[in-house]
């Protein structure tokens, strides 16, 4: 697998309430030149993995920003 792709860490997060571990990695495929964002969520022994393109990552990120900006920082409730 090493000769087919290269993984570079982008961010590591931990959800405060559920304790899920969230890893973001850039995955570069050596042959073909495609780069994807890998989202890996660990909940106990269970893993969920998404490999998404930049357009999907941008749309997902925009939706998350819109949601987070609509929340109050202290309580998480909508403004």
PDB file of N, CA and C in Angstrom:
ATOM      1  N   UNK A   1       0.831  -1.191   0.000  1.00  0.00           N
ATOM      2  CA  UNK A   1       0.000   0.000   0.000  1.00  0.00           C
ATOM      3  C   UNK A   1       0.871   1.249   0.000  1.00  0.00           C
ATOM      4  N   UNK A   2       2.030   1.220   0.658  1.00  0.00           N
ATOM      5  CA  UNK A   2       2.908   2.379   0.749  1.00  0.00           C
ATOM      6  C   UNK A   2       3.266   2.937  -0.617  1.00  0.00           C
ATOM      7  N   UNK A   3       3.463   2.058  -1.598  1.00  0.00           N
ATOM      8  CA  UNK A   3       3.866   2.525  -2.912  1.00  0.00           C
ATOM      9  C   UNK A   3       2.697   3.077  -3.715  1.00  0.00           C
ATOM     10  N   UNK A   4       1.467   2.912  -3.244  1.00  0.00           N
ATOM     11  CA  UNK A   4       0.292   3.366  -3.976  1.00  0.00           C
ATOM     12  C   UNK A   4      -0.269   4.678  -3.454  1.00  0.00           C
ATOM     13  N   UNK A   5      -0.085   4.948  -2.164  1.00  0.00           N
ATOM     14  CA  UNK A   5      -0.625   6.183  -1.606  1.00  0.00           C
ATOM     15  C   UNK A   5       0.268   6.717  -0.505  1.00  0.00           C
ATOM     16  N   UNK A   6       0.086   8.018  -0.241  1.00  0.00           N
ATOM     17  CA  UNK A   6       0.808   8.689   0.838  1.00  0.00           C
ATOM     18  C   UNK A   6      -0.222   9.389   1.712  1.00  0.00           C
ATOM     19  N   UNK A   7      -0.149   9.176   3.015  1.00  0.00           N
ATOM     20  CA  UNK A   7      -1.086   9.790   3.956  1.00  0.00           C
ATOM     21  C   UNK A   7      -0.355  10.865   4.757  1.00  0.00           C
ATOM     22  N   UNK A   8      -0.977  12.057   4.835  1.00  0.00           N
ATOM     23  CA  UNK A   8      -0.425  13.173   5.598  1.00  0.00           C
ATOM     24  C   UNK A   8      -1.484  13.642   6.587  1.00  0.00           C
ATOM     25  N   UNK A   9      -1.103  13.693   7.867  1.00  0.00           N
ATOM     26  CA  UNK A   9      -2.060  14.120   8.888  1.00  0.00           C
ATOM     27  C   UNK A   9      -2.449  15.578   8.688  1.00  0.00           C
ATOM     28  N   UNK A  10      -3.757  15.842   8.767  1.00  0.00           N
ATOM     29  CA  UNK A  10      -4.294  17.197   8.665  1.00  0.00           C
ATOM     30  C   UNK A  10      -4.709  17.687  10.046  1.00  0.00           C
ATOM     31  N   UNK A  11      -5.459  16.856  10.782  1.00  0.00           N
ATOM     32  CA  UNK A  11      -5.920  17.249  12.123  1.00  0.00           C
ATOM     33  C   UNK A  11      -6.343  16.009  12.897  1.00  0.00           C
ATOM     34  N   UNK A  12      -6.293  16.151  14.242  1.00  0.00           N
ATOM     35  CA  UNK A  12      -6.812  15.122  15.154  1.00  0.00           C
ATOM     36  C   UNK A  12      -7.698  15.825  16.156  1.00  0.00           C
ATOM     37  N   UNK A  13      -8.906  15.284  16.332  1.00  0.00           N
ATOM     38  CA  UNK A  13      -9.877  15.887  17.235  1.00  0.00           C
ATOM     39  C   UNK A  13     -10.465  14.810  18.137  1.00  0.00           C
ATOM     40  N   UNK A  14     -11.001  15.242  19.271  1.00  0.00           N
ATOM     41  CA  UNK A  14     -11.744  14.326  20.142  1.00  0.00           C
ATOM     42  C   UNK A  14     -13.038  15.029  20.512  1.00  0.00           C
ATOM     43  N   UNK A  15     -14.160  14.357  20.258  1.00  0.00           N
ATOM     44  CA  UNK A  15     -15.465  14.904  20.614  1.00  0.00           C
ATOM     45  C   UNK A  15     -15.602  14.866  22.128  1.00  0.00           C
ATOM     46  N   UNK A  16     -15.956  15.994  22.752  1.00  0.00           N
ATOM     47  CA  UNK A  16     -15.965  16.039  24.216  1.00  0.00           C
ATOM     48  C   UNK A  16     -17.057  15.205  24.877  1.00  0.00           C
ATOM     49  N   UNK A  17     -18.192  15.034  24.248  1.00  0.00           N
ATOM     50  CA  UNK A  17     -19.283  14.319  24.910  1.00  0.00           C
ATOM     51  C   UNK A  17     -19.217  12.818  24.648  1.00  0.00           C
ATOM     52  N   UNK A  18     -19.108  12.408  23.402  1.00  0.00           N
ATOM     53  CA  UNK A  18     -19.067  10.978  23.091  1.00  0.00           C
ATOM     54  C   UNK A  18     -17.677  10.377  23.132  1.00  0.00           C
ATOM     55  N   UNK A  19     -16.638  11.236  23.140  1.00  0.00           N
ATOM     56  CA  UNK A  19     -15.267  10.752  23.180  1.00  0.00           C
ATOM     57  C   UNK A  19     -14.762  10.160  21.884  1.00  0.00           C
ATOM     58  N   UNK A  20     -15.493  10.351  20.788  1.00  0.00           N
ATOM     59  CA  UNK A  20     -15.044   9.825  19.505  1.00  0.00           C
ATOM     60  C   UNK A  20     -13.727  10.492  19.092  1.00  0.00           C
ATOM     61  N   UNK A  21     -12.831   9.694  18.507  1.00  0.00           N
ATOM     62  CA  UNK A  21     -11.583  10.205  17.972  1.00  0.00           C
ATOM     63  C   UNK A  21     -11.784  10.452  16.475  1.00  0.00           C
ATOM     64  N   UNK A  22     -11.458  11.647  16.027  1.00  0.00           N
ATOM     65  CA  UNK A  22     -11.649  12.024  14.623  1.00  0.00           C
ATOM     66  C   UNK A  22     -10.291  12.371  14.032  1.00  0.00           C
ATOM     67  N   UNK A  23      -9.877  11.627  13.027  1.00  0.00           N
ATOM     68  CA  UNK A  23      -8.618  11.878  12.334  1.00  0.00           C
ATOM     69  C   UNK A  23      -8.923  12.329  10.917  1.00  0.00           C
ATOM     70  N   UNK A  24      -8.258  13.390  10.492  1.00  0.00           N
ATOM     71  CA  UNK A  24      -8.347  13.876   9.114  1.00  0.00           C
ATOM     72  C   UNK A  24      -6.978  13.708   8.477  1.00  0.00           C
ATOM     73  N   UNK A  25      -6.944  13.079   7.310  1.00  0.00           N
ATOM     74  CA  UNK A  25      -5.691  12.863   6.594  1.00  0.00           C
ATOM     75  C   UNK A  25      -5.874  13.219   5.127  1.00  0.00           C
ATOM     76  N   UNK A  26      -4.822  13.779   4.539  1.00  0.00           N
ATOM     77  CA  UNK A  26      -4.806  13.931   3.085  1.00  0.00           C
ATOM     78  C   UNK A  26      -4.221  12.655   2.525  1.00  0.00           C
ATOM     79  N   UNK A  27      -4.941  12.043   1.608  1.00  0.00           N
ATOM     80  CA  UNK A  27      -4.505  10.811   0.957  1.00  0.00           C
ATOM     81  C   UNK A  27      -4.152  11.157  -0.482  1.00  0.00           C
ATOM     82  N   UNK A  28      -2.871  10.997  -0.813  1.00  0.00           N
ATOM     83  CA  UNK A  28      -2.396  11.252  -2.177  1.00  0.00           C
ATOM     84  C   UNK A  28      -2.106   9.922  -2.847  1.00  0.00           C
ATOM     85  N   UNK A  29      -2.809   9.650  -3.923  1.00  0.00           N
ATOM     86  CA  UNK A  29      -2.572   8.437  -4.693  1.00  0.00           C
ATOM     87  C   UNK A  29      -1.440   8.708  -5.668  1.00  0.00           C
ATOM     88  N   UNK A  30      -0.367   7.938  -5.545  1.00  0.00           N
ATOM     89  CA  UNK A  30       0.843   8.166  -6.329  1.00  0.00           C
ATOM     90  C   UNK A  30       0.556   8.028  -7.821  1.00  0.00           C
ATOM     91  N   UNK A  31      -0.134   6.987  -8.206  1.00  0.00           N
ATOM     92  CA  UNK A  31      -0.466   6.767  -9.610  1.00  0.00           C
ATOM     93  C   UNK A  31      -1.843   7.356  -9.871  1.00  0.00           C
ATOM     94  N   UNK A  32      -1.921   8.361 -10.709  1.00  0.00           N
ATOM     95  CA  UNK A  32      -3.186   9.004 -11.017  1.00  0.00           C
ATOM     96  C   UNK A  32      -3.269  10.407 -10.456  1.00  0.00           C
ATOM     97  N   UNK A  33      -2.469  10.715  -9.445  1.00  0.00           N
ATOM     98  CA  UNK A  33      -2.369  12.066  -8.928  1.00  0.00           C
ATOM     99  C   UNK A  33      -3.582  12.609  -8.198  1.00  0.00           C
ATOM    100  N   UNK A  34      -4.485  11.754  -7.757  1.00  0.00           N
ATOM    101  CA  UNK A  34      -5.678  12.236  -7.061  1.00  0.00           C
ATOM    102  C   UNK A  34      -5.391  12.386  -5.562  1.00  0.00           C
ATOM    103  N   UNK A  35      -5.947  13.438  -4.969  1.00  0.00           N
ATOM    104  CA  UNK A  35      -5.858  13.653  -3.523  1.00  0.00           C
ATOM    105  C   UNK A  35      -7.263  13.674  -2.944  1.00  0.00           C
ATOM    106  N   UNK A  36      -7.438  12.976  -1.834  1.00  0.00           N
ATOM    107  CA  UNK A  36      -8.724  12.923  -1.147  1.00  0.00           C
ATOM    108  C   UNK A  36      -8.513  13.249   0.323  1.00  0.00           C
ATOM    109  N   UNK A  37      -9.590  13.641   0.997  1.00  0.00           N
ATOM    110  CA  UNK A  37      -9.563  13.843   2.435  1.00  0.00           C
ATOM    111  C   UNK A  37     -10.157  12.600   3.081  1.00  0.00           C
ATOM    112  N   UNK A  38      -9.376  11.955   3.941  1.00  0.00           N
ATOM    113  CA  UNK A  38      -9.874  10.785   4.668  1.00  0.00           C
ATOM    114  C   UNK A  38     -10.333  11.242   6.046  1.00  0.00           C
ATOM    115  N   UNK A  39     -11.578  10.931   6.366  1.00  0.00           N
ATOM    116  CA  UNK A  39     -12.153  11.207   7.674  1.00  0.00           C
ATOM    117  C   UNK A  39     -12.324   9.857   8.353  1.00  0.00           C
ATOM    118  N   UNK A  40     -11.662   9.689   9.471  1.00  0.00           N
ATOM    119  CA  UNK A  40     -11.704   8.417  10.191  1.00  0.00           C
ATOM    120  C   UNK A  40     -12.225   8.703  11.592  1.00  0.00           C
ATOM    121  N   UNK A  41     -13.357   8.106  11.921  1.00  0.00           N
ATOM    122  CA  UNK A  41     -13.980   8.313  13.225  1.00  0.00           C
ATOM    123  C   UNK A  41     -13.955   6.993  13.986  1.00  0.00           C
ATOM    124  N   UNK A  42     -13.380   7.060  15.180  1.00  0.00           N
ATOM    125  CA  UNK A  42     -13.309   5.857  16.021  1.00  0.00           C
ATOM    126  C   UNK A  42     -14.231   6.025  17.215  1.00  0.00           C
ATOM    127  N   UNK A  43     -15.123   5.058  17.375  1.00  0.00           N
ATOM    128  CA  UNK A  43     -16.032   5.000  18.529  1.00  0.00           C
ATOM    129  C   UNK A  43     -15.804   3.650  19.188  1.00  0.00           C
ATOM    130  N   UNK A  44     -14.990   3.650  20.238  1.00  0.00           N
ATOM    131  CA  UNK A  44     -14.652   2.377  20.879  1.00  0.00           C
ATOM    132  C   UNK A  44     -13.861   1.513  19.920  1.00  0.00           C
ATOM    133  N   UNK A  45     -14.391   0.351  19.582  1.00  0.00           N
ATOM    134  CA  UNK A  45     -13.711  -0.550  18.636  1.00  0.00           C
ATOM    135  C   UNK A  45     -14.233  -0.387  17.213  1.00  0.00           C
ATOM    136  N   UNK A  46     -15.204   0.468  17.023  1.00  0.00           N
ATOM    137  CA  UNK A  46     -15.832   0.659  15.707  1.00  0.00           C
ATOM    138  C   UNK A  46     -15.188   1.838  14.971  1.00  0.00           C
ATOM    139  N   UNK A  47     -14.924   1.669  13.686  1.00  0.00           N
ATOM    140  CA  UNK A  47     -14.360   2.715  12.849  1.00  0.00           C
ATOM    141  C   UNK A  47     -15.304   3.032  11.700  1.00  0.00           C
ATOM    142  N   UNK A  48     -15.426   4.313  11.379  1.00  0.00           N
ATOM    143  CA  UNK A  48     -16.128   4.754  10.177  1.00  0.00           C
ATOM    144  C   UNK A  48     -15.124   5.571   9.379  1.00  0.00           C
ATOM    145  N   UNK A  49     -14.979   5.261   8.095  1.00  0.00           N
ATOM    146  CA  UNK A  49     -13.988   5.938   7.261  1.00  0.00           C
ATOM    147  C   UNK A  49     -14.658   6.442   5.990  1.00  0.00           C
ATOM    148  N   UNK A  50     -14.414   7.731   5.691  1.00  0.00           N
ATOM    149  CA  UNK A  50     -14.876   8.341   4.443  1.00  0.00           C
ATOM    150  C   UNK A  50     -13.654   8.857   3.705  1.00  0.00           C
ATOM    151  N   UNK A  51     -13.569   8.643   2.405  1.00  0.00           N
ATOM    152  CA  UNK A  51     -12.591   9.311   1.553  1.00  0.00           C
ATOM    153  C   UNK A  51     -13.396  10.200   0.618  1.00  0.00           C
ATOM    154  N   UNK A  52     -13.210  11.525   0.750  1.00  0.00           N
ATOM    155  CA  UNK A  52     -14.034  12.455  -0.026  1.00  0.00           C
ATOM    156  C   UNK A  52     -13.170  13.399  -0.854  1.00  0.00           C
ATOM    157  N   UNK A  53     -13.741  13.875  -1.939  1.00  0.00           N
ATOM    158  CA  UNK A  53     -13.063  14.813  -2.831  1.00  0.00           C
ATOM    159  C   UNK A  53     -13.161  16.228  -2.265  1.00  0.00           C
ATOM    160  N   UNK A  54     -12.431  17.159  -2.864  1.00  0.00           N
ATOM    161  CA  UNK A  54     -12.367  18.525  -2.334  1.00  0.00           C
ATOM    162  C   UNK A  54     -13.707  19.252  -2.399  1.00  0.00           C
ATOM    163  N   UNK A  55     -14.510  19.001  -3.420  1.00  0.00           N
ATOM    164  CA  UNK A  55     -15.815  19.668  -3.515  1.00  0.00           C
ATOM    165  C   UNK A  55     -16.744  19.201  -2.394  1.00  0.00           C
ATOM    166  N   UNK A  56     -16.743  17.904  -2.104  1.00  0.00           N
ATOM    167  CA  UNK A  56     -17.562  17.376  -1.013  1.00  0.00           C
ATOM    168  C   UNK A  56     -17.052  17.890   0.330  1.00  0.00           C
ATOM    169  N   UNK A  57     -15.730  17.941   0.504  1.00  0.00           N
ATOM    170  CA  UNK A  57     -15.153  18.463   1.745  1.00  0.00           C
ATOM    171  C   UNK A  57     -15.543  19.927   1.954  1.00  0.00           C
ATOM    172  N   UNK A  58     -15.524  20.717   0.886  1.00  0.00           N
ATOM    173  CA  UNK A  58     -15.895  22.132   0.989  1.00  0.00           C
ATOM    174  C   UNK A  58     -17.367  22.288   1.372  1.00  0.00           C
ATOM    175  N   UNK A  59     -18.250  21.523   0.745  1.00  0.00           N
ATOM    176  CA  UNK A  59     -19.680  21.601   1.053  1.00  0.00           C
ATOM    177  C   UNK A  59     -19.944  21.156   2.491  1.00  0.00           C
ATOM    178  N   UNK A  60     -19.298  20.086   2.927  1.00  0.00           N
ATOM    179  CA  UNK A  60     -19.450  19.575   4.287  1.00  0.00           C
ATOM    180  C   UNK A  60     -18.924  20.603   5.287  1.00  0.00           C
ATOM    181  N   UNK A  61     -17.743  21.144   5.010  1.00  0.00           N
ATOM    182  CA  UNK A  61     -17.160  22.153   5.891  1.00  0.00           C
ATOM    183  C   UNK A  61     -18.016  23.402   5.990  1.00  0.00           C
ATOM    184  N   UNK A  62     -18.565  23.867   4.868  1.00  0.00           N
ATOM    185  CA  UNK A  62     -19.449  25.038   4.879  1.00  0.00           C
ATOM    186  C   UNK A  62     -20.691  24.778   5.728  1.00  0.00           C
ATOM    187  N   UNK A  63     -21.273  23.602   5.578  1.00  0.00           N
ATOM    188  CA  UNK A  63     -22.465  23.259   6.375  1.00  0.00           C
ATOM    189  C   UNK A  63     -22.136  23.231   7.870  1.00  0.00           C
ATOM    190  N   UNK A  64     -20.976  22.696   8.222  1.00  0.00           N
ATOM    191  CA  UNK A  64     -20.573  22.648   9.628  1.00  0.00           C
ATOM    192  C   UNK A  64     -20.303  24.047  10.176  1.00  0.00           C
ATOM    193  N   UNK A  65     -19.688  24.909   9.371  1.00  0.00           N
ATOM    194  CA  UNK A  65     -19.452  26.286   9.801  1.00  0.00           C
ATOM    195  C   UNK A  65     -20.756  27.042  10.011  1.00  0.00           C
ATOM    196  N   UNK A  66     -21.703  26.883   9.076  1.00  0.00           N
ATOM    197  CA  UNK A  66     -23.008  27.549   9.233  1.00  0.00           C
ATOM    198  C   UNK A  66     -23.675  27.106  10.529  1.00  0.00           C
ATOM    199  N   UNK A  67     -23.633  25.806  10.802  1.00  0.00           N
ATOM    200  CA  UNK A  67     -24.244  25.289  12.018  1.00  0.00           C
ATOM    201  C   UNK A  67     -23.526  25.838  13.253  1.00  0.00           C
ATOM    202  N   UNK A  68     -22.193  25.770  13.270  1.00  0.00           N
ATOM    203  CA  UNK A  68     -21.449  26.187  14.459  1.00  0.00           C
ATOM    204  C   UNK A  68     -21.616  27.674  14.747  1.00  0.00           C
ATOM    205  N   UNK A  69     -21.726  28.480  13.722  1.00  0.00           N
ATOM    206  CA  UNK A  69     -21.909  29.923  13.917  1.00  0.00           C
ATOM    207  C   UNK A  69     -23.298  30.266  14.442  1.00  0.00           C
ATOM    208  N   UNK A  70     -24.253  29.363  14.266  1.00  0.00           N
ATOM    209  CA  UNK A  70     -25.605  29.584  14.754  1.00  0.00           C
ATOM    210  C   UNK A  70     -25.765  29.162  16.220  1.00  0.00           C
ATOM    211  N   UNK A  71     -24.701  28.604  16.816  1.00  0.00           N
ATOM    212  CA  UNK A  71     -24.746  28.132  18.201  1.00  0.00           C
ATOM    213  C   UNK A  71     -24.114  29.167  19.121  1.00  0.00           C
ATOM    214  N   UNK A  72     -24.553  29.190  20.379  1.00  0.00           N
ATOM    215  CA  UNK A  72     -23.896  30.047  21.364  1.00  0.00           C
ATOM    216  C   UNK A  72     -22.697  29.271  21.897  1.00  0.00           C
ATOM    217  N   UNK A  73     -21.575  29.918  22.114  1.00  0.00           N
ATOM    218  CA  UNK A  73     -20.366  29.208  22.543  1.00  0.00           C
ATOM    219  C   UNK A  73     -20.502  28.462  23.873  1.00  0.00           C
ATOM    220  N   UNK A  74     -21.207  29.018  24.843  1.00  0.00           N
ATOM    221  CA  UNK A  74     -21.234  28.410  26.177  1.00  0.00           C
ATOM    222  C   UNK A  74     -22.171  27.210  26.270  1.00  0.00           C
ATOM    223  N   UNK A  75     -23.299  27.235  25.600  1.00  0.00           N
ATOM    224  CA  UNK A  75     -24.302  26.186  25.805  1.00  0.00           C
ATOM    225  C   UNK A  75     -24.518  25.282  24.612  1.00  0.00           C
ATOM    226  N   UNK A  76     -24.123  25.725  23.423  1.00  0.00           N
ATOM    227  CA  UNK A  76     -24.370  24.936  22.234  1.00  0.00           C
ATOM    228  C   UNK A  76     -25.787  25.074  21.720  1.00  0.00           C
ATOM    229  N   UNK A  77     -26.597  25.925  22.372  1.00  0.00           N
ATOM    230  CA  UNK A  77     -27.977  26.123  21.934  1.00  0.00           C
ATOM    231  C   UNK A  77     -28.026  27.160  20.822  1.00  0.00           C
ATOM    232  N   UNK A  78     -29.022  27.050  19.963  1.00  0.00           N
ATOM    233  CA  UNK A  78     -29.182  28.000  18.849  1.00  0.00           C
ATOM    234  C   UNK A  78     -29.419  29.401  19.380  1.00  0.00           C
ATOM    235  N   UNK A  79     -28.905  30.383  18.644  1.00  0.00           N
ATOM    236  CA  UNK A  79     -29.117  31.792  19.022  1.00  0.00           C
ATOM    237  C   UNK A  79     -30.467  32.255  18.574  1.00  0.00           C
TER     238      UNK A  79
END
